[in-house]
Amino acid sequence: MNTGAFKGNKRFLPSKPCVVCGRPMVWRRAWAKNWDEVRYCSDACRKRNNTERGA
């Protein structure tokens, strides 16, 4: 039995911090194909980062 496999317990899922606010983002199935490219926890953080770059 693989003890590191996801069995309904989110603590075994990979996570990483949002580049804008630093909140931890836990892996989601929707991000399975591009997890390495996910940088923001929400659309609000994505917009805030883009407006800060342009200013």
Protein backbone atom coordinates (compact mmCIF):
# COMPACT_ATOMS: atom_id res chain seq x y z
CA MET A 1 0.00 0.00 0.00
CA ASN A 2 1.32 3.45 -0.95
CA THR A 3 1.05 5.67 2.15
CA GLY A 4 1.79 8.85 0.15
CA ALA A 5 -1.14 8.38 -2.23
CA PHE A 6 -4.25 10.54 -2.01
CA LYS A 7 -6.97 8.69 -0.14
CA GLY A 8 -9.38 11.55 0.53
CA ASN A 9 -6.89 13.32 2.78
CA LYS A 10 -5.63 16.63 1.37
CA ARG A 11 -2.43 16.68 3.40
CA PHE A 12 -0.91 14.22 0.92
CA LEU A 13 -1.55 16.51 -2.07
CA PRO A 14 1.26 18.76 -3.31
CA SER A 15 1.02 22.45 -2.54
CA LYS A 16 2.88 25.66 -3.30
CA PRO A 17 2.49 29.35 -2.36
CA CYS A 18 0.76 31.97 -4.49
CA VAL A 19 3.36 34.38 -5.93
CA VAL A 20 1.27 37.45 -5.00
CA CYS A 21 -0.25 36.80 -1.57
CA GLY A 22 1.73 33.76 -0.39
CA ARG A 23 -1.32 31.65 0.47
CA PRO A 24 -0.75 27.92 0.03
CA MET A 25 -2.44 26.44 -3.04
CA VAL A 26 -3.27 22.75 -2.86
CA TRP A 27 -3.21 20.70 -6.07
CA ARG A 28 -6.54 20.39 -7.89
CA ARG A 29 -7.57 17.96 -10.58
CA ALA A 30 -8.26 20.88 -12.92
CA TRP A 31 -4.58 21.86 -12.60
CA ALA A 32 -3.26 18.33 -13.28
CA LYS A 33 -1.97 19.11 -16.78
CA ASN A 34 -0.35 22.45 -15.94
CA TRP A 35 0.49 22.33 -12.21
CA ASP A 36 4.02 23.61 -12.89
CA GLU A 37 2.59 26.72 -14.58
CA VAL A 38 0.00 27.59 -11.88
CA ARG A 39 1.20 30.72 -10.07
CA TYR A 40 -1.88 32.44 -8.62
CA CYS A 41 -4.43 31.26 -6.06
CA SER A 42 -7.28 33.30 -7.58
CA ASP A 43 -8.29 35.64 -10.38
CA ALA A 44 -7.98 38.53 -7.91
CA CYS A 45 -4.29 37.77 -7.36
CA ARG A 46 -3.71 37.38 -11.09
CA LYS A 47 -5.28 40.80 -11.75
CA ARG A 48 -3.43 42.45 -8.86
CA ASN A 49 -0.09 41.15 -10.15
CA ASN A 50 -0.76 42.36 -13.68
CA THR A 51 -1.81 45.85 -12.52
CA GLU A 52 1.31 46.15 -10.33
CA ARG A 53 3.55 45.30 -13.29
CA GLY A 54 1.90 47.88 -15.52
CA ALA A 55 2.12 50.68 -12.93
